[in-house]
Amino acid sequence: MPNLVNRLVIKELQSELGKAEGMVIVGFGGLTVKESEALRNALAKKGATLSLVRNSLARLVLAERGFEVTPDMLAGNTAIAYGDAEAAIHASKMLQTAEVKKANKVQIRGGVLEGKLLNAKDAIALADVPDRKTLNGKLVSLLVSGPRSLAMLLSAVPSAEARLLQARADQLEKSGGAAPAS
């Protein structure tokens, strides 16, 4: 039976991680307090919360949600960045930036997105997913392209006819205005 402190921590983790749509599980070593706070603040701006977790307690809470994590996913110093699905994607992007990778102090070990457990490779691939605004722009572009093409096609015939008539009028004007006899 876990002691009182562990029960309180488990209850807090259940509350926070239970309502999270997405999580990125990271291992880190050697982060200074200043670097850790900078990372937390940057993640918070995008809606993600970064919490240090005890591996055994995180394993219990994730198991309650139906996720059987591998031993290497929760080993050593572990933190979980969590929030809604978009916050998890932003967290993965932020943890894959050049300056974070250059320091080599933070490694993505896995994640959860909308009820599915992700391995490290899949969690890293989240960084390549475009944000909501970009996806909305692409969707609007796709929706508009069909009607735009149809409008261009329908206007092509009258505009081609108008250009033909204008070319004929210009030709007649150059030749002195006399229409050729048929």
C-alpha atoms as a PDB file:
ATOM      1  CA  MET A   1       0.000   0.000   0.000  1.00  0.00           C
ATOM      2  CA  PRO A   2       1.494   3.335  -1.017  1.00  0.00           C
ATOM      3  CA  ASN A   3       2.122   5.818   1.744  1.00  0.00           C
ATOM      4  CA  LEU A   4       0.119   9.038   2.101  1.00  0.00           C
ATOM      5  CA  VAL A   5       2.467  11.176   0.002  1.00  0.00           C
ATOM      6  CA  ASN A   6       2.456   8.659  -2.837  1.00  0.00           C
ATOM      7  CA  ARG A   7      -1.345   8.430  -2.703  1.00  0.00           C
ATOM      8  CA  LEU A   8      -1.588  12.217  -2.963  1.00  0.00           C
ATOM      9  CA  VAL A   9       0.850  12.298  -5.873  1.00  0.00           C
ATOM     10  CA  ILE A  10      -1.037   9.486  -7.620  1.00  0.00           C
ATOM     11  CA  LYS A  11      -4.318  11.326  -7.117  1.00  0.00           C
ATOM     12  CA  GLU A  12      -2.800  14.508  -8.593  1.00  0.00           C
ATOM     13  CA  LEU A  13      -1.360  12.584 -11.568  1.00  0.00           C
ATOM     14  CA  GLN A  14      -4.690  10.852 -12.147  1.00  0.00           C
ATOM     15  CA  SER A  15      -6.424  14.211 -12.170  1.00  0.00           C
ATOM     16  CA  GLU A  16      -3.962  15.905 -14.519  1.00  0.00           C
ATOM     17  CA  LEU A  17      -3.115  13.042 -16.865  1.00  0.00           C
ATOM     18  CA  GLY A  18      -6.650  11.684 -16.833  1.00  0.00           C
ATOM     19  CA  LYS A  19      -8.024  14.668 -18.699  1.00  0.00           C
ATOM     20  CA  ALA A  20      -5.012  15.116 -20.997  1.00  0.00           C
ATOM     21  CA  GLU A  21      -5.651  14.324 -24.671  1.00  0.00           C
ATOM     22  CA  GLY A  22      -1.955  14.151 -25.427  1.00  0.00           C
ATOM     23  CA  MET A  23       1.319  13.547 -23.619  1.00  0.00           C
ATOM     24  CA  VAL A  24       4.964  13.471 -24.536  1.00  0.00           C
ATOM     25  CA  ILE A  25       7.133  11.408 -22.209  1.00  0.00           C
ATOM     26  CA  VAL A  26      10.683  12.707 -22.058  1.00  0.00           C
ATOM     27  CA  GLY A  27      13.870  11.714 -20.359  1.00  0.00           C
ATOM     28  CA  PHE A  28      16.282  14.393 -19.386  1.00  0.00           C
ATOM     29  CA  GLY A  29      19.536  14.632 -17.575  1.00  0.00           C
ATOM     30  CA  GLY A  30      21.715  17.534 -16.667  1.00  0.00           C
ATOM     31  CA  LEU A  31      19.147  20.281 -17.189  1.00  0.00           C
ATOM     32  CA  THR A  32      19.885  23.267 -15.023  1.00  0.00           C
ATOM     33  CA  VAL A  33      17.064  24.928 -13.116  1.00  0.00           C
ATOM     34  CA  LYS A  34      17.230  27.872 -15.499  1.00  0.00           C
ATOM     35  CA  GLU A  35      16.988  25.606 -18.575  1.00  0.00           C
ATOM     36  CA  SER A  36      14.171  23.625 -17.005  1.00  0.00           C
ATOM     37  CA  GLU A  37      12.176  26.766 -16.194  1.00  0.00           C
ATOM     38  CA  ALA A  38      12.758  28.158 -19.694  1.00  0.00           C
ATOM     39  CA  LEU A  39      11.464  24.899 -21.177  1.00  0.00           C
ATOM     40  CA  ARG A  40       8.437  24.872 -18.872  1.00  0.00           C
ATOM     41  CA  ASN A  41       7.595  28.484 -19.740  1.00  0.00           C
ATOM     42  CA  ALA A  42       7.949  27.860 -23.472  1.00  0.00           C
ATOM     43  CA  LEU A  43       5.675  24.811 -23.236  1.00  0.00           C
ATOM     44  CA  ALA A  44       3.157  26.702 -21.104  1.00  0.00           C
ATOM     45  CA  LYS A  45       2.840  29.369 -23.823  1.00  0.00           C
ATOM     46  CA  LYS A  46       1.609  26.620 -26.148  1.00  0.00           C
ATOM     47  CA  GLY A  47      -0.786  25.127 -23.586  1.00  0.00           C
ATOM     48  CA  ALA A  48       1.343  22.221 -22.379  1.00  0.00           C
ATOM     49  CA  THR A  49       2.364  21.517 -18.804  1.00  0.00           C
ATOM     50  CA  LEU A  50       5.676  19.835 -17.990  1.00  0.00           C
ATOM     51  CA  SER A  51       5.754  17.775 -14.793  1.00  0.00           C
ATOM     52  CA  LEU A  52       8.530  15.710 -13.310  1.00  0.00           C
ATOM     53  CA  VAL A  53       7.202  12.288 -12.358  1.00  0.00           C
ATOM     54  CA  ARG A  54       8.324   9.312 -10.376  1.00  0.00           C
ATOM     55  CA  ASN A  55       8.528   6.407 -12.777  1.00  0.00           C
ATOM     56  CA  SER A  56       6.675   3.900 -10.604  1.00  0.00           C
ATOM     57  CA  LEU A  57       3.796   6.297  -9.941  1.00  0.00           C
ATOM     58  CA  ALA A  58       3.547   7.360 -13.580  1.00  0.00           C
ATOM     59  CA  ARG A  59       3.505   3.692 -14.597  1.00  0.00           C
ATOM     60  CA  LEU A  60       0.568   3.081 -12.207  1.00  0.00           C
ATOM     61  CA  VAL A  61      -1.407   6.064 -13.488  1.00  0.00           C
ATOM     62  CA  LEU A  62      -0.778   5.234 -17.142  1.00  0.00           C
ATOM     63  CA  ALA A  63      -1.715   1.593 -16.519  1.00  0.00           C
ATOM     64  CA  GLU A  64      -5.035   2.786 -15.058  1.00  0.00           C
ATOM     65  CA  ARG A  65      -5.684   4.593 -18.345  1.00  0.00           C
ATOM     66  CA  GLY A  66      -4.929   1.355 -20.211  1.00  0.00           C
ATOM     67  CA  PHE A  67      -1.389   2.105 -21.386  1.00  0.00           C
ATOM     68  CA  GLU A  68       1.251  -0.532 -20.783  1.00  0.00           C
ATOM     69  CA  VAL A  69       4.461   1.442 -21.128  1.00  0.00           C
ATOM     70  CA  THR A  70       7.783  -0.214 -21.797  1.00  0.00           C
ATOM     71  CA  PRO A  71      10.454  -0.144 -19.072  1.00  0.00           C
ATOM     72  CA  ASP A  72      12.735   2.074 -21.152  1.00  0.00           C
ATOM     73  CA  MET A  73       9.963   4.666 -21.594  1.00  0.00           C
ATOM     74  CA  LEU A  74       9.886   5.318 -17.852  1.00  0.00           C
ATOM     75  CA  ALA A  75      13.506   4.982 -16.771  1.00  0.00           C
ATOM     76  CA  GLY A  76      15.848   7.504 -15.230  1.00  0.00           C
ATOM     77  CA  ASN A  77      14.813  11.139 -14.911  1.00  0.00           C
ATOM     78  CA  THR A  78      11.381  11.405 -16.495  1.00  0.00           C
ATOM     79  CA  ALA A  79       8.983  14.234 -17.198  1.00  0.00           C
ATOM     80  CA  ILE A  80       5.662  14.323 -18.992  1.00  0.00           C
ATOM     81  CA  ALA A  81       4.501  17.252 -21.109  1.00  0.00           C
ATOM     82  CA  TYR A  82       0.716  17.055 -21.331  1.00  0.00           C
ATOM     83  CA  GLY A  83      -2.333  18.990 -22.414  1.00  0.00           C
ATOM     84  CA  ASP A  84      -4.804  18.847 -25.268  1.00  0.00           C
ATOM     85  CA  ALA A  85      -3.816  17.148 -28.526  1.00  0.00           C
ATOM     86  CA  GLU A  86      -2.495  20.347 -30.067  1.00  0.00           C
ATOM     87  CA  ALA A  87      -0.408  21.109 -26.967  1.00  0.00           C
ATOM     88  CA  ALA A  88       1.196  17.667 -27.219  1.00  0.00           C
ATOM     89  CA  ILE A  89       2.062  18.318 -30.863  1.00  0.00           C
ATOM     90  CA  HIS A  90       3.569  21.691 -29.940  1.00  0.00           C
ATOM     91  CA  ALA A  91       5.519  20.023 -27.110  1.00  0.00           C
ATOM     92  CA  SER A  92       6.975  17.502 -29.550  1.00  0.00           C
ATOM     93  CA  LYS A  93       7.902  20.321 -31.947  1.00  0.00           C
ATOM     94  CA  MET A  94       9.539  22.309 -29.173  1.00  0.00           C
ATOM     95  CA  LEU A  95      11.481  19.304 -27.898  1.00  0.00           C
ATOM     96  CA  GLN A  96      12.773  18.706 -31.436  1.00  0.00           C
ATOM     97  CA  THR A  97      14.088  22.230 -32.027  1.00  0.00           C
ATOM     98  CA  ALA A  98      17.740  22.616 -32.942  1.00  0.00           C
ATOM     99  CA  GLU A  99      18.767  24.231 -29.666  1.00  0.00           C
ATOM    100  CA  VAL A 100      17.136  21.531 -27.524  1.00  0.00           C
ATOM    101  CA  LYS A 101      18.623  18.759 -29.671  1.00  0.00           C
ATOM    102  CA  LYS A 102      22.018  20.493 -29.621  1.00  0.00           C
ATOM    103  CA  ALA A 103      22.123  20.459 -25.812  1.00  0.00           C
ATOM    104  CA  ASN A 104      21.341  16.708 -25.964  1.00  0.00           C
ATOM    105  CA  LYS A 105      19.797  16.805 -22.499  1.00  0.00           C
ATOM    106  CA  VAL A 106      16.210  15.969 -23.457  1.00  0.00           C
ATOM    107  CA  GLN A 107      15.118  12.813 -25.297  1.00  0.00           C
ATOM    108  CA  ILE A 108      11.580  11.960 -26.319  1.00  0.00           C
ATOM    109  CA  ARG A 109      10.819   8.430 -25.156  1.00  0.00           C
ATOM    110  CA  GLY A 110       7.166   8.079 -26.083  1.00  0.00           C
ATOM    111  CA  GLY A 111       3.786   9.666 -25.871  1.00  0.00           C
ATOM    112  CA  VAL A 112       0.045   9.410 -25.923  1.00  0.00           C
ATOM    113  CA  LEU A 113      -2.226  11.073 -28.424  1.00  0.00           C
ATOM    114  CA  GLU A 114      -5.999  10.794 -28.347  1.00  0.00           C
ATOM    115  CA  GLY A 115      -6.050   7.455 -26.561  1.00  0.00           C
ATOM    116  CA  LYS A 116      -3.179   5.765 -28.394  1.00  0.00           C
ATOM    117  CA  LEU A 117       0.220   4.966 -26.918  1.00  0.00           C
ATOM    118  CA  LEU A 118       3.075   6.151 -29.139  1.00  0.00           C
ATOM    119  CA  ASN A 119       6.603   4.824 -29.175  1.00  0.00           C
ATOM    120  CA  ALA A 120       9.554   7.224 -29.315  1.00  0.00           C
ATOM    121  CA  LYS A 121       9.651   7.282 -33.122  1.00  0.00           C
ATOM    122  CA  ASP A 122       5.945   8.126 -33.401  1.00  0.00           C
ATOM    123  CA  ALA A 123       6.142  10.766 -30.669  1.00  0.00           C
ATOM    124  CA  ILE A 124       9.057  12.413 -32.492  1.00  0.00           C
ATOM    125  CA  ALA A 125       7.031  12.288 -35.723  1.00  0.00           C
ATOM    126  CA  LEU A 126       4.404  14.483 -34.046  1.00  0.00           C
ATOM    127  CA  ALA A 127       6.818  17.365 -34.616  1.00  0.00           C
ATOM    128  CA  ASP A 128       6.130  17.070 -38.359  1.00  0.00           C
ATOM    129  CA  VAL A 129       2.365  17.476 -37.973  1.00  0.00           C
ATOM    130  CA  PRO A 130       1.283  20.978 -39.021  1.00  0.00           C
ATOM    131  CA  ASP A 131      -0.537  23.129 -36.481  1.00  0.00           C
ATOM    132  CA  ARG A 132      -4.286  23.743 -36.628  1.00  0.00           C
ATOM    133  CA  LYS A 133      -4.052  27.058 -38.508  1.00  0.00           C
ATOM    134  CA  THR A 134      -1.927  25.511 -41.242  1.00  0.00           C
ATOM    135  CA  LEU A 135      -4.266  22.528 -41.553  1.00  0.00           C
ATOM    136  CA  ASN A 136      -7.288  24.848 -41.727  1.00  0.00           C
ATOM    137  CA  GLY A 137      -5.583  26.875 -44.462  1.00  0.00           C
ATOM    138  CA  LYS A 138      -4.840  23.744 -46.460  1.00  0.00           C
ATOM    139  CA  LEU A 139      -8.420  22.535 -46.044  1.00  0.00           C
ATOM    140  CA  VAL A 140      -9.829  25.867 -47.227  1.00  0.00           C
ATOM    141  CA  SER A 141      -7.451  25.805 -50.193  1.00  0.00           C
ATOM    142  CA  LEU A 142      -8.656  22.319 -51.139  1.00  0.00           C
ATOM    143  CA  LEU A 143     -12.306  23.297 -50.767  1.00  0.00           C
ATOM    144  CA  VAL A 144     -11.869  26.432 -52.871  1.00  0.00           C
ATOM    145  CA  SER A 145      -9.776  24.816 -55.617  1.00  0.00           C
ATOM    146  CA  GLY A 146     -12.702  22.858 -57.114  1.00  0.00           C
ATOM    147  CA  PRO A 147     -15.105  25.799 -57.509  1.00  0.00           C
ATOM    148  CA  ARG A 148     -12.223  28.014 -58.657  1.00  0.00           C
ATOM    149  CA  SER A 149     -11.295  25.528 -61.389  1.00  0.00           C
ATOM    150  CA  LEU A 150     -14.947  25.226 -62.445  1.00  0.00           C
ATOM    151  CA  ALA A 151     -15.318  29.006 -62.614  1.00  0.00           C
ATOM    152  CA  MET A 152     -12.136  29.313 -64.689  1.00  0.00           C
ATOM    153  CA  LEU A 153     -13.331  26.558 -67.028  1.00  0.00           C
ATOM    154  CA  LEU A 154     -16.756  28.135 -67.490  1.00  0.00           C
ATOM    155  CA  SER A 155     -15.280  31.569 -68.133  1.00  0.00           C
ATOM    156  CA  ALA A 156     -12.660  30.213 -70.557  1.00  0.00           C
ATOM    157  CA  VAL A 157     -15.053  29.798 -73.495  1.00  0.00           C
ATOM    158  CA  PRO A 158     -16.576  33.331 -73.416  1.00  0.00           C
ATOM    159  CA  SER A 159     -13.192  34.930 -72.719  1.00  0.00           C
ATOM    160  CA  ALA A 160     -11.582  33.003 -75.595  1.00  0.00           C
ATOM    161  CA  GLU A 161     -14.418  34.156 -77.863  1.00  0.00           C
ATOM    162  CA  ALA A 162     -13.978  37.733 -76.685  1.00  0.00           C
ATOM    163  CA  ARG A 163     -10.228  37.589 -77.355  1.00  0.00           C
ATOM    164  CA  LEU A 164     -10.894  36.170 -80.828  1.00  0.00           C
ATOM    165  CA  LEU A 165     -13.363  38.979 -81.627  1.00  0.00           C
ATOM    166  CA  GLN A 166     -10.915  41.571 -80.261  1.00  0.00           C
ATOM    167  CA  ALA A 167      -8.104  40.143 -82.395  1.00  0.00           C
ATOM    168  CA  ARG A 168     -10.372  40.289 -85.470  1.00  0.00           C
ATOM    169  CA  ALA A 169     -11.347  43.890 -84.676  1.00  0.00           C
ATOM    170  CA  ASP A 170      -7.672  44.823 -84.274  1.00  0.00           C
ATOM    171  CA  GLN A 171      -6.883  43.114 -87.598  1.00  0.00           C
ATOM    172  CA  LEU A 172      -9.667  45.019 -89.377  1.00  0.00           C
ATOM    173  CA  GLU A 173      -8.505  48.287 -87.835  1.00  0.00           C
ATOM    174  CA  LYS A 174      -4.957  47.729 -89.145  1.00  0.00           C
ATOM    175  CA  SER A 175      -6.166  46.900 -92.649  1.00  0.00           C
ATOM    176  CA  GLY A 176      -8.144  50.150 -92.939  1.00  0.00           C
ATOM    177  CA  GLY A 177     -11.489  49.004 -91.625  1.00  0.00           C
ATOM    178  CA  ALA A 178     -12.610  47.167 -94.753  1.00  0.00           C
ATOM    179  CA  ALA A 179     -14.017  43.745 -94.141  1.00  0.00           C
ATOM    180  CA  PRO A 180     -12.796  41.098 -96.567  1.00  0.00           C
ATOM    181  CA  ALA A 181     -15.388  39.932 -99.066  1.00  0.00           C
ATOM    182  CA  SER A 182     -16.646  36.443 -98.611  1.00  0.00           C
END
